[in-house]
Amino acid sequence: MFIAGQKDMQQMDEYTIGKIGLPGVVLMENAGATIAEEVLSASCSEHSKVIVLAGGGNNGGDGFVVARKLFDQGLKPLLCLLVNPERVKGDAKIHLEAYVNRGLPIFYLHEQGLDRLQNHLNEADIIVDAMLGTGINGPVREPFLQVISMVNEHAGKRCIISIDLPSGLNSDNGKVEGAAVQASKTISFVFPKKGFFLNDGPDYIGEWKAVDISVPPSAATILGLSMPRLITESLVRASLPRRPATGHKGTFGHVLVAGGSRQYIGAPVFSAIASLRSGAGLTTMAVPENIYPMVAAKHPELLFLPLPEKNGHFSIEAISEMAPRLHEFDSIAVGPGMSRFSDGEKWIRELIKSLHSQPIVVDADALYLIRNEWDIVREYEGHVIFTPHPGEMARILNTTVKEIEADRLGIARAFAEEHQLYLLLKGHRSVIATPNGEVYINPIGNSALGKGGSGDVLTGMIASFLAQGAQPLEALISASYLHARSGEKKAKALSHYGVMPFDMIDGVCEQLREIEQRESQS
């Protein structure tokens, strides 16, 4: 499923109207009828009190249709027009006139005032937000600013349904300037909008659903629109590496996790265990020899490659000792717990030179150590995957976290294309970008993932799926989604506060088991 921006939807609407021949007034009728069905499904009875708050643009036009359709279904909604009717133009004006010509009740804010509107809102069971939709750019202005504030007084107490986008939320970047409706549910047309998953968006959209209004989804491809894609459960199932019944440990690949230091012992362990629990046949930990006894005694399921160290870190001699064995591994994860050290840049350069074109996942401080080694990244014959959080990405680009978060999609796409690598930009709604400019958004995850070790688990999962034969994009899609879903499920059992890295790994196993069960039943 694609994710649309404001201009994307404008072009698709124009295509539908101009090329297919469906007038805008018909699309508005379809949109309003679909929303009316959603309202009916949310209403408790024919006596449910519904208020439709409508602006003067196309979003308001959808609201006029909603109110009329609800009357036809036996409800008695109140349509509240928040602008002077003289400001209503185009297709919206046609539907307003159709509503008025039927003699249906309408509340005019410019005549009756905010106090009376407040009384109506207090009595409502369902509030339909048809005020601004995707048309807003910049701060919300009056009277919408006050009306949105009044609506939000009922957030969590009433069902608030936003049409296409919560009013006040920017469709493209998910920013809120001033105020935005706190929706219980957002019903979006054709595709979800970028703003659902960026910046403030996830806090405002509630549940969301994309519905058909006769704008064909295929228009996105026909028009050659460059749009992000949404990661879905069906896409994850298709992306997971297959496990033949006759497979053995050699079939399922051998992962090397290179990391650890005196200060950070746990990080590479989380990656290595996550690798095994995600299906890798074998996982070897390459660690500084000073921490080897501590981890080896507790994790006999792992293989170990203790390497020379200096001051608690890998020494440069570790590369020559590791090099003769590097051909054994099907994927490499480097960085978890490695920290920064004086020979770090040289160390990682020599490591990559010694590899045999296996896919390599670069995480944690390895991202810092490699930040000036772009020639070796571009020259590497295998796939390179970077997995930074926003702070790490800011250090790589010598900018700020604020600037990264302001344009996650654009920065991720440009970076992956420029350096010809795969990027997983972590955060609330992670972004995946590919060397050829594709972008994917993970729509799930919560604060349970915000804990040290969480990213190390994800790194191990990615390396595991790569070793099992998944392509880089497939591994990133599967790992990021299952990791996030694990956090969500474990938070319900343990609280958002209490989920630990090994809990996340257990949760991933549970998600994989559910997928296996569903596939066996299909």
Protein backbone atom coordinates (compact mmCIF):
# COMPACT_ATOMS: atom_id res chain seq x y z
CA MET A 1 0.00 0.00 0.00
CA PHE A 2 1.25 3.45 -0.92
CA ILE A 3 1.36 6.42 1.44
CA ALA A 4 0.27 9.68 -0.17
CA GLY A 5 1.22 13.31 0.17
CA GLN A 6 -1.00 16.27 -0.61
CA LYS A 7 0.30 16.75 -4.16
CA ASP A 8 0.09 13.02 -4.83
CA MET A 9 -3.62 13.00 -4.05
CA GLN A 10 -4.21 16.16 -6.06
CA GLN A 11 -2.66 14.53 -9.12
CA MET A 12 -4.65 11.34 -8.61
CA ASP A 13 -7.88 13.32 -8.25
CA GLU A 14 -7.08 15.29 -11.41
CA TYR A 15 -6.38 12.05 -13.27
CA THR A 16 -9.68 10.55 -12.14
CA ILE A 17 -11.63 13.64 -13.09
CA GLY A 18 -9.81 14.50 -16.32
CA LYS A 19 -8.81 11.12 -17.77
CA ILE A 20 -11.37 8.71 -16.36
CA GLY A 21 -14.21 11.21 -16.46
CA LEU A 22 -15.62 10.99 -12.94
CA PRO A 23 -16.51 14.55 -11.87
CA GLY A 24 -15.27 15.89 -8.55
CA VAL A 25 -18.83 16.20 -7.32
CA VAL A 26 -19.24 12.43 -7.78
CA LEU A 27 -16.02 11.69 -5.90
CA MET A 28 -17.28 13.91 -3.07
CA GLU A 29 -20.58 12.03 -3.03
CA ASN A 30 -18.72 8.73 -2.83
CA ALA A 31 -16.47 10.03 -0.05
CA GLY A 32 -19.36 11.32 2.04
CA ALA A 33 -21.36 8.13 1.58
CA THR A 34 -18.42 6.03 2.75
CA ILE A 35 -17.89 8.19 5.83
CA ALA A 36 -21.61 8.02 6.63
CA GLU A 37 -21.35 4.22 6.71
CA GLU A 38 -18.47 4.50 9.17
CA VAL A 39 -20.53 6.82 11.37
CA LEU A 40 -23.45 4.42 11.27
CA SER A 41 -21.22 1.55 12.34
CA ALA A 42 -19.98 3.66 15.26
CA SER A 43 -23.44 4.79 16.41
CA CYS A 44 -25.17 2.92 19.20
CA SER A 45 -28.71 3.54 17.93
CA GLU A 46 -30.82 5.69 15.66
CA HIS A 47 -30.99 8.13 18.56
CA SER A 48 -27.25 8.75 18.61
CA LYS A 49 -26.52 12.46 18.42
CA VAL A 50 -24.13 13.25 15.59
CA ILE A 51 -22.55 16.63 14.91
CA VAL A 52 -20.82 17.26 11.59
CA LEU A 53 -18.38 20.18 11.75
CA ALA A 54 -17.78 21.46 8.23
CA GLY A 55 -15.41 24.01 6.74
CA GLY A 56 -15.75 25.68 3.37
CA GLY A 57 -13.41 23.50 1.27
CA ASN A 58 -13.63 20.01 -0.13
CA ASN A 59 -13.37 18.49 3.34
CA GLY A 60 -16.45 20.45 4.29
CA GLY A 61 -18.13 19.25 1.11
CA ASP A 62 -17.57 15.67 2.26
CA GLY A 63 -19.20 16.65 5.52
CA PHE A 64 -22.30 18.03 3.74
CA VAL A 65 -22.75 14.66 2.06
CA VAL A 66 -22.21 12.80 5.36
CA ALA A 67 -24.98 14.78 7.08
CA ARG A 68 -27.41 14.26 4.18
CA LYS A 69 -26.70 10.54 3.99
CA LEU A 70 -27.16 10.13 7.73
CA PHE A 71 -30.59 11.74 7.46
CA ASP A 72 -31.45 9.25 4.74
CA GLN A 73 -30.49 6.45 7.14
CA GLY A 74 -32.82 7.67 9.85
CA LEU A 75 -30.44 9.63 12.08
CA LYS A 76 -30.87 13.31 12.88
CA PRO A 77 -27.42 14.81 12.61
CA LEU A 78 -26.67 18.49 13.07
CA LEU A 79 -24.57 20.04 10.32
CA CYS A 80 -22.52 22.93 11.67
CA LEU A 81 -21.08 25.24 9.01
CA LEU A 82 -18.10 27.06 10.47
CA VAL A 83 -17.65 29.61 7.67
CA ASN A 84 -19.97 32.05 5.96
CA PRO A 85 -21.85 30.08 3.27
CA GLU A 86 -20.72 32.64 0.70
CA ARG A 87 -17.16 31.25 1.10
CA VAL A 88 -18.18 27.75 0.02
CA LYS A 89 -17.17 27.19 -3.61
CA GLY A 90 -16.95 24.52 -6.32
CA ASP A 91 -18.11 20.97 -5.70
CA ALA A 92 -18.62 21.69 -2.01
CA LYS A 93 -21.11 24.45 -2.90
CA ILE A 94 -23.14 22.01 -4.99
CA HIS A 95 -23.48 19.63 -2.06
CA LEU A 96 -24.25 22.43 0.40
CA GLU A 97 -27.03 23.63 -1.86
CA ALA A 98 -28.37 20.07 -2.16
CA TYR A 99 -28.46 19.87 1.62
CA VAL A 100 -30.11 23.27 2.10
CA ASN A 101 -32.61 22.70 -0.74
CA ARG A 102 -33.91 19.66 1.10
CA GLY A 103 -34.69 21.82 4.09
CA LEU A 104 -32.39 19.89 6.40
CA PRO A 105 -31.27 21.61 9.63
CA ILE A 106 -28.03 23.57 9.65
CA PHE A 107 -26.17 25.53 12.31
CA TYR A 108 -24.37 28.66 11.07
CA LEU A 109 -21.51 29.56 13.37
CA HIS A 110 -21.29 33.16 12.14
CA GLU A 111 -24.91 33.69 13.23
CA GLN A 112 -25.26 31.54 16.34
CA GLY A 113 -21.81 31.71 17.93
CA LEU A 114 -19.34 29.50 19.77
CA ASP A 115 -21.33 29.22 23.00
CA ARG A 116 -24.24 27.52 21.28
CA LEU A 117 -21.83 25.31 19.36
CA GLN A 118 -20.28 24.30 22.68
CA ASN A 119 -23.69 23.24 23.96
CA HIS A 120 -24.27 21.08 20.90
CA LEU A 121 -20.85 19.46 21.26
CA ASN A 122 -21.58 18.68 24.90
CA GLU A 123 -24.68 16.74 23.83
CA ALA A 124 -23.04 14.83 20.96
CA ASP A 125 -22.31 11.12 20.92
CA ILE A 126 -20.31 11.31 17.69
CA ILE A 127 -18.38 14.28 16.31
CA VAL A 128 -17.45 14.26 12.63
CA ASP A 129 -14.48 16.46 11.76
CA ALA A 130 -14.92 17.82 8.21
CA MET A 131 -13.24 21.15 8.88
CA LEU A 132 -9.87 21.35 7.13
CA GLY A 133 -8.65 17.94 5.95
CA THR A 134 -5.50 17.90 3.82
CA GLY A 135 -5.86 21.51 2.76
CA ILE A 136 -4.03 23.13 5.67
CA ASN A 137 -0.55 24.60 5.37
CA GLY A 138 0.73 26.61 8.30
CA PRO A 139 -0.94 27.52 11.60
CA VAL A 140 -4.65 26.92 12.19
CA ARG A 141 -6.67 30.12 12.08
CA GLU A 142 -9.88 31.17 13.74
CA PRO A 143 -12.59 30.10 14.11
CA PHE A 144 -11.11 26.65 13.60
CA LEU A 145 -8.52 27.08 16.34
CA GLN A 146 -11.18 27.56 19.00
CA VAL A 147 -13.48 24.90 17.57
CA ILE A 148 -10.67 22.32 17.54
CA SER A 149 -9.94 23.14 21.17
CA MET A 150 -13.61 22.63 22.00
CA VAL A 151 -13.67 19.30 20.17
CA ASN A 152 -10.57 18.07 21.99
CA GLU A 153 -12.27 18.62 25.34
CA HIS A 154 -14.26 15.53 24.38
CA ALA A 155 -11.30 13.44 23.19
CA GLY A 156 -11.40 10.03 24.81
CA LYS A 157 -14.99 10.60 25.93
CA ARG A 158 -16.77 10.80 22.58
CA CYS A 159 -16.21 9.14 19.22
CA ILE A 160 -14.43 11.70 17.04
CA ILE A 161 -14.17 10.73 13.37
CA SER A 162 -11.90 12.80 11.14
CA ILE A 163 -12.46 12.81 7.40
CA ASP A 164 -9.25 12.09 5.45
CA LEU A 165 -7.01 13.80 8.04
CA PRO A 166 -7.50 15.30 11.52
CA SER A 167 -8.00 19.02 11.02
CA GLY A 168 -4.84 20.93 11.90
CA LEU A 169 -2.45 18.07 11.07
CA ASN A 170 -0.14 18.66 8.11
CA SER A 171 -0.73 15.99 5.50
CA ASP A 172 2.90 15.81 4.35
CA ASN A 173 5.00 16.15 7.49
CA GLY A 174 2.65 15.33 10.37
CA LYS A 175 3.32 18.61 12.17
CA VAL A 176 0.74 20.43 14.25
CA GLU A 177 0.94 24.20 14.35
CA GLY A 178 -1.39 25.56 17.00
CA ALA A 179 -3.90 22.73 17.34
CA ALA A 180 -5.24 19.60 15.68
CA VAL A 181 -8.21 17.33 16.28
CA GLN A 182 -7.51 14.37 18.56
CA ALA A 183 -9.39 11.82 16.48
CA SER A 184 -10.68 8.48 17.69
CA LYS A 185 -10.62 7.31 14.08
CA THR A 186 -9.40 8.78 10.81
CA ILE A 187 -10.99 7.62 7.56
CA SER A 188 -8.60 8.37 4.72
CA PHE A 189 -9.40 8.28 1.02
CA VAL A 190 -7.55 5.85 -1.26
CA PHE A 191 -4.27 5.80 0.73
CA PRO A 192 -3.14 6.79 4.21
CA LYS A 193 -1.34 10.12 4.30
CA LYS A 194 2.33 10.72 5.10
CA GLY A 195 1.37 12.84 8.08
CA PHE A 196 -0.16 9.81 9.79
CA PHE A 197 3.31 8.44 10.50
CA LEU A 198 5.55 11.47 10.93
CA ASN A 199 6.23 13.89 13.80
CA ASP A 200 2.98 14.57 15.71
CA GLY A 201 0.77 12.49 13.40
CA PRO A 202 0.66 9.19 15.34
CA ASP A 203 -0.60 11.05 18.41
CA TYR A 204 -3.60 12.52 16.59
CA ILE A 205 -4.98 10.06 14.05
CA GLY A 206 -6.33 7.38 16.41
CA GLU A 207 -7.25 4.26 14.48
CA TRP A 208 -7.06 4.76 10.74
CA LYS A 209 -8.58 3.20 7.68
CA ALA A 210 -8.17 3.85 3.96
CA VAL A 211 -11.36 3.57 1.89
CA ASP A 212 -12.34 3.52 -1.79
CA ILE A 213 -14.05 6.55 -3.36
CA SER A 214 -13.52 5.53 -7.03
CA VAL A 215 -10.08 7.11 -7.37
CA PRO A 216 -8.16 4.03 -8.62
CA PRO A 217 -5.05 3.16 -6.60
CA SER A 218 -3.41 2.21 -9.90
CA ALA A 219 -3.33 5.91 -10.77
CA ALA A 220 -0.25 6.22 -8.55
CA THR A 221 1.67 3.85 -10.83
CA ILE A 222 0.21 5.24 -14.04
CA LEU A 223 1.28 8.75 -13.06
CA GLY A 224 4.73 7.57 -11.97
CA LEU A 225 4.35 9.03 -8.50
CA SER A 226 7.27 8.44 -6.13
CA MET A 227 5.43 7.52 -2.96
CA PRO A 228 6.49 5.68 0.19
CA ARG A 229 4.99 2.28 0.87
CA LEU A 230 3.43 1.00 4.06
CA ILE A 231 4.74 -2.16 5.70
CA THR A 232 1.83 -4.53 6.29
CA GLU A 233 1.52 -7.98 7.83
CA SER A 234 0.99 -9.55 4.41
CA LEU A 235 4.18 -7.88 3.14
CA VAL A 236 6.07 -9.21 6.17
CA ARG A 237 4.85 -12.75 5.58
CA ALA A 238 5.94 -12.53 1.95
CA SER A 239 9.34 -11.15 2.97
CA LEU A 240 10.27 -13.76 5.57
CA PRO A 241 12.83 -16.34 4.46
CA ARG A 242 11.31 -19.75 3.81
CA ARG A 243 12.26 -22.71 6.00
CA PRO A 244 12.25 -25.99 4.05
CA ALA A 245 11.22 -28.99 6.10
CA THR A 246 14.44 -30.77 5.15
CA GLY A 247 16.64 -27.84 6.20
CA HIS A 248 19.51 -28.08 8.66
CA LYS A 249 21.81 -25.63 10.42
CA GLY A 250 23.80 -25.10 7.25
CA THR A 251 20.63 -24.32 5.34
CA PHE A 252 19.73 -21.48 7.66
CA GLY A 253 23.00 -19.62 7.56
CA HIS A 254 25.81 -18.53 9.83
CA VAL A 255 25.82 -15.02 11.35
CA LEU A 256 28.86 -13.21 12.71
CA VAL A 257 28.20 -10.56 15.35
CA ALA A 258 31.31 -8.44 15.90
CA GLY A 259 31.08 -6.12 18.86
CA GLY A 260 31.40 -5.63 22.58
CA SER A 261 33.88 -3.81 24.76
CA ARG A 262 34.78 -3.55 28.43
CA GLN A 263 31.92 -1.11 29.06
CA TYR A 264 29.29 -2.77 26.84
CA ILE A 265 29.09 -6.51 27.29
CA GLY A 266 25.36 -7.07 26.80
CA ALA A 267 24.79 -5.43 23.41
CA PRO A 268 26.43 -8.09 21.21
CA VAL A 269 24.77 -10.80 23.30
CA PHE A 270 21.33 -9.34 22.55
CA SER A 271 22.18 -9.30 18.82
CA ALA A 272 23.53 -12.83 18.83
CA ILE A 273 20.63 -14.36 20.75
CA ALA A 274 18.13 -12.47 18.57
CA SER A 275 19.90 -13.90 15.53
CA LEU A 276 19.47 -17.47 16.75
CA ARG A 277 15.90 -16.96 17.93
CA SER A 278 15.03 -15.46 14.52
CA GLY A 279 16.11 -18.64 12.77
CA ALA A 280 19.82 -18.48 11.99
CA GLY A 281 21.44 -21.92 11.95
CA LEU A 282 24.60 -20.73 13.68
CA THR A 283 25.70 -17.48 15.28
CA THR A 284 29.26 -16.61 16.23
CA MET A 285 30.20 -13.74 18.51
CA ALA A 286 33.51 -12.02 17.78
CA VAL A 287 34.38 -10.15 20.99
CA PRO A 288 37.44 -8.70 22.70
CA GLU A 289 39.10 -11.52 24.61
CA ASN A 290 38.72 -9.73 27.96
CA ILE A 291 34.91 -10.14 27.91
CA TYR A 292 34.86 -13.60 26.34
CA PRO A 293 34.80 -15.54 29.65
CA MET A 294 31.84 -13.51 30.91
CA VAL A 295 29.60 -14.15 27.93
CA ALA A 296 30.73 -17.65 26.95
CA ALA A 297 29.84 -19.20 30.30
CA LYS A 298 26.27 -17.90 30.15
CA HIS A 299 25.51 -18.62 26.49
CA PRO A 300 26.68 -22.06 25.38
CA GLU A 301 24.25 -21.94 22.44
CA LEU A 302 26.56 -19.41 20.76
CA LEU A 303 29.89 -19.89 19.06
CA PHE A 304 32.75 -17.56 19.98
CA LEU A 305 35.70 -15.90 18.37
CA PRO A 306 37.69 -14.12 21.10
CA LEU A 307 40.01 -11.53 19.56
CA PRO A 308 42.99 -9.46 20.66
CA GLU A 309 42.10 -6.34 22.60
CA LYS A 310 43.66 -3.11 23.71
CA ASN A 311 42.32 -1.08 26.63
CA GLY A 312 39.04 -3.01 26.58
CA HIS A 313 38.44 -2.67 22.83
CA PHE A 314 39.32 -4.61 19.71
CA SER A 315 42.93 -4.09 18.72
CA ILE A 316 43.93 -3.67 15.09
CA GLU A 317 45.52 -7.14 15.28
CA ALA A 318 42.04 -8.60 15.69
CA ILE A 319 41.41 -8.16 11.96
CA SER A 320 44.29 -10.36 10.84
CA GLU A 321 43.26 -13.03 13.35
CA MET A 322 39.65 -12.93 12.22
CA ALA A 323 40.32 -12.69 8.47
CA PRO A 324 41.00 -16.40 7.76
CA ARG A 325 37.55 -17.30 9.07
CA LEU A 326 35.45 -14.55 7.51
CA HIS A 327 34.51 -16.69 4.51
CA GLU A 328 32.51 -18.96 6.85
CA PHE A 329 29.80 -16.40 7.52
CA ASP A 330 26.69 -15.64 5.48
CA SER A 331 26.05 -12.22 7.04
CA ILE A 332 27.93 -9.84 9.31
CA ALA A 333 26.62 -7.55 12.04
CA VAL A 334 29.19 -5.07 13.33
CA GLY A 335 28.97 -2.45 16.04
CA PRO A 336 26.76 -3.55 18.95
CA GLY A 337 28.58 -2.56 22.15
CA MET A 338 31.84 -1.94 20.29
CA SER A 339 32.10 1.69 21.44
CA ARG A 340 34.67 4.11 20.02
CA PHE A 341 38.42 3.59 20.17
CA SER A 342 41.55 5.16 18.79
CA ASP A 343 42.08 2.72 15.92
CA GLY A 344 38.37 2.35 15.23
CA GLU A 345 38.25 3.97 11.79
CA LYS A 346 41.18 1.89 10.58
CA TRP A 347 39.72 -1.22 12.23
CA ILE A 348 36.39 -1.04 10.42
CA ARG A 349 38.04 -0.15 7.11
CA GLU A 350 40.25 -3.23 7.35
CA LEU A 351 37.31 -5.40 8.37
CA ILE A 352 35.29 -4.46 5.30
CA LYS A 353 38.32 -4.97 3.05
CA SER A 354 38.68 -8.50 4.49
CA LEU A 355 35.07 -9.59 3.89
CA HIS A 356 33.84 -11.73 1.01
CA SER A 357 30.88 -9.68 -0.26
CA GLN A 358 28.53 -10.90 2.47
CA PRO A 359 25.78 -8.47 3.46
CA ILE A 360 26.96 -6.36 6.39
CA VAL A 361 24.75 -4.65 8.97
CA VAL A 362 26.44 -1.58 10.46
CA ASP A 363 25.01 -0.43 13.79
CA ALA A 364 25.79 1.54 16.95
CA ASP A 365 29.30 2.98 17.20
CA ALA A 366 30.37 1.27 13.99
CA LEU A 367 28.19 3.91 12.33
CA TYR A 368 30.31 6.59 13.93
CA LEU A 369 33.58 4.90 13.01
CA ILE A 370 32.59 4.49 9.38
CA ARG A 371 31.14 7.98 8.91
CA ASN A 372 34.15 9.20 6.91
CA GLU A 373 34.83 5.98 5.02
CA TRP A 374 32.39 6.42 2.12
CA ASP A 375 34.85 5.18 -0.49
CA ILE A 376 35.10 1.77 1.18
CA VAL A 377 31.30 1.61 1.52
CA ARG A 378 30.71 2.38 -2.16
CA GLU A 379 33.44 0.00 -3.32
CA TYR A 380 32.17 -2.93 -1.25
CA GLU A 381 30.72 -5.57 -3.57
CA GLY A 382 28.13 -6.84 -1.10
CA HIS A 383 25.05 -5.18 0.37
CA VAL A 384 25.59 -2.60 3.11
CA ILE A 385 22.84 -1.87 5.65
CA PHE A 386 22.95 1.07 8.06
CA THR A 387 20.62 1.08 11.09
CA PRO A 388 20.98 4.46 12.86
CA HIS A 389 18.62 6.06 15.35
CA PRO A 390 18.07 9.82 14.79
CA GLY A 391 21.01 10.79 17.01
CA GLU A 392 23.38 8.53 15.11
CA MET A 393 22.01 9.79 11.80
CA ALA A 394 22.59 13.37 12.92
CA ARG A 395 26.22 12.57 13.74
CA ILE A 396 26.73 10.89 10.38
CA LEU A 397 25.38 13.95 8.54
CA ASN A 398 26.88 16.50 10.94
CA THR A 399 23.48 18.01 11.68
CA THR A 400 20.90 17.98 14.47
CA VAL A 401 18.27 15.48 15.53
CA LYS A 402 15.66 18.19 14.99
CA GLU A 403 16.67 18.53 11.35
CA ILE A 404 16.63 14.76 10.88
CA GLU A 405 13.15 14.46 12.36
CA ALA A 406 11.87 17.38 10.25
CA ASP A 407 12.38 15.40 7.03
CA ARG A 408 12.82 11.72 7.84
CA LEU A 409 11.56 10.50 4.49
CA GLY A 410 13.54 12.89 2.33
CA ILE A 411 16.78 12.50 4.27
CA ALA A 412 16.53 8.70 4.32
CA ARG A 413 15.88 8.48 0.58
CA ALA A 414 18.66 10.91 -0.37
CA PHE A 415 21.21 9.24 1.91
CA ALA A 416 20.50 5.71 0.66
CA GLU A 417 20.65 6.81 -2.97
CA GLU A 418 23.82 8.86 -2.55
CA HIS A 419 25.79 6.13 -0.80
CA GLN A 420 24.10 3.16 -2.52
CA LEU A 421 23.19 1.38 0.67
CA TYR A 422 20.11 0.25 2.58
CA LEU A 423 19.05 2.46 5.45
CA LEU A 424 16.81 1.75 8.42
CA LEU A 425 16.26 5.08 10.15
CA LYS A 426 14.90 4.05 13.52
CA GLY A 427 12.48 6.03 15.65
CA HIS A 428 8.74 6.25 16.24
CA ARG A 429 7.61 4.94 12.85
CA SER A 430 10.87 3.72 11.36
CA VAL A 431 11.78 4.46 7.74
CA ILE A 432 13.49 2.07 5.33
CA ALA A 433 15.20 3.45 2.21
CA THR A 434 16.88 1.53 -0.61
CA PRO A 435 19.69 2.40 -3.05
CA ASN A 436 17.19 2.85 -5.89
CA GLY A 437 15.03 5.36 -4.00
CA GLU A 438 12.26 3.16 -2.60
CA VAL A 439 10.99 4.16 0.84
CA TYR A 440 8.94 2.12 3.31
CA ILE A 441 7.34 3.18 6.61
CA ASN A 442 6.74 0.87 9.54
CA PRO A 443 3.36 1.96 10.97
CA ILE A 444 3.67 0.26 14.35
CA GLY A 445 5.76 0.36 17.53
CA ASN A 446 5.57 2.07 20.90
CA SER A 447 7.62 3.40 23.79
CA ALA A 448 8.38 -0.11 25.08
CA LEU A 449 11.10 -0.21 22.41
CA GLY A 450 12.79 2.86 23.86
CA LYS A 451 15.34 1.04 25.97
CA GLY A 452 19.02 0.16 25.70
CA GLY A 453 19.46 -3.14 23.87
CA SER A 454 16.34 -2.78 21.73
CA GLY A 455 18.33 -1.75 18.66
CA ASP A 456 20.81 -4.57 19.24
CA VAL A 457 17.95 -7.06 19.09
CA LEU A 458 16.83 -5.55 15.78
CA THR A 459 20.36 -5.75 14.36
CA GLY A 460 20.58 -9.45 15.19
CA MET A 461 17.23 -10.11 13.54
CA ILE A 462 18.25 -8.35 10.32
CA ALA A 463 21.52 -10.29 10.15
CA SER A 464 19.67 -13.53 10.83
CA PHE A 465 17.17 -13.08 8.01
CA LEU A 466 20.01 -12.11 5.65
CA ALA A 467 21.92 -15.27 6.54
CA GLN A 468 18.79 -17.31 5.84
CA GLY A 469 18.65 -15.96 2.30
CA ALA A 470 16.43 -12.89 2.51
CA GLN A 471 17.29 -9.92 0.33
CA PRO A 472 18.21 -6.75 2.28
CA LEU A 473 14.85 -5.06 1.80
CA GLU A 474 13.02 -8.24 2.81
CA ALA A 475 15.17 -8.61 5.92
CA LEU A 476 14.60 -4.98 6.93
CA ILE A 477 10.84 -5.18 6.37
CA SER A 478 10.45 -8.41 8.34
CA ALA A 479 12.79 -7.51 11.19
CA SER A 480 11.56 -3.96 11.76
CA TYR A 481 7.90 -4.97 11.78
CA LEU A 482 8.25 -8.06 13.97
CA HIS A 483 10.50 -6.16 16.38
CA ALA A 484 7.93 -3.36 16.70
CA ARG A 485 5.00 -5.76 17.04
CA SER A 486 6.89 -7.62 19.74
CA GLY A 487 7.28 -4.36 21.68
CA GLU A 488 3.56 -3.67 21.40
CA LYS A 489 2.52 -7.13 22.55
CA LYS A 490 5.02 -7.33 25.39
CA ALA A 491 3.99 -3.88 26.64
CA LYS A 492 0.47 -5.20 27.18
CA ALA A 493 1.83 -7.99 29.40
CA LEU A 494 4.69 -6.19 31.14
CA SER A 495 3.82 -2.47 30.77
CA HIS A 496 5.50 0.07 28.54
CA TYR A 497 8.03 0.59 31.33
CA GLY A 498 9.11 -2.97 31.92
CA VAL A 499 9.97 -4.56 28.57
CA MET A 500 13.60 -5.73 28.46
CA PRO A 501 15.67 -6.86 25.44
CA PHE A 502 15.22 -10.57 26.12
CA ASP A 503 11.46 -9.95 26.46
CA MET A 504 11.53 -8.44 22.97
CA ILE A 505 13.33 -11.52 21.66
CA ASP A 506 10.68 -13.76 23.25
CA GLY A 507 8.02 -11.58 21.66
CA VAL A 508 9.60 -11.99 18.24
CA CYS A 509 9.45 -15.77 18.66
CA GLU A 510 5.77 -15.47 19.52
CA GLN A 511 5.13 -13.39 16.39
CA LEU A 512 6.94 -15.93 14.22
CA ARG A 513 4.93 -18.73 15.78
CA GLU A 514 1.67 -16.92 15.00
CA ILE A 515 2.74 -16.48 11.39
CA GLU A 516 3.59 -20.18 11.11
CA GLN A 517 0.21 -21.12 12.58
CA ARG A 518 -1.70 -18.85 10.19
CA GLU A 519 0.20 -20.19 7.20
CA SER A 520 -0.42 -23.79 8.23
CA GLN A 521 -4.15 -23.08 8.46
CA SER A 522 -4.35 -21.32 5.08
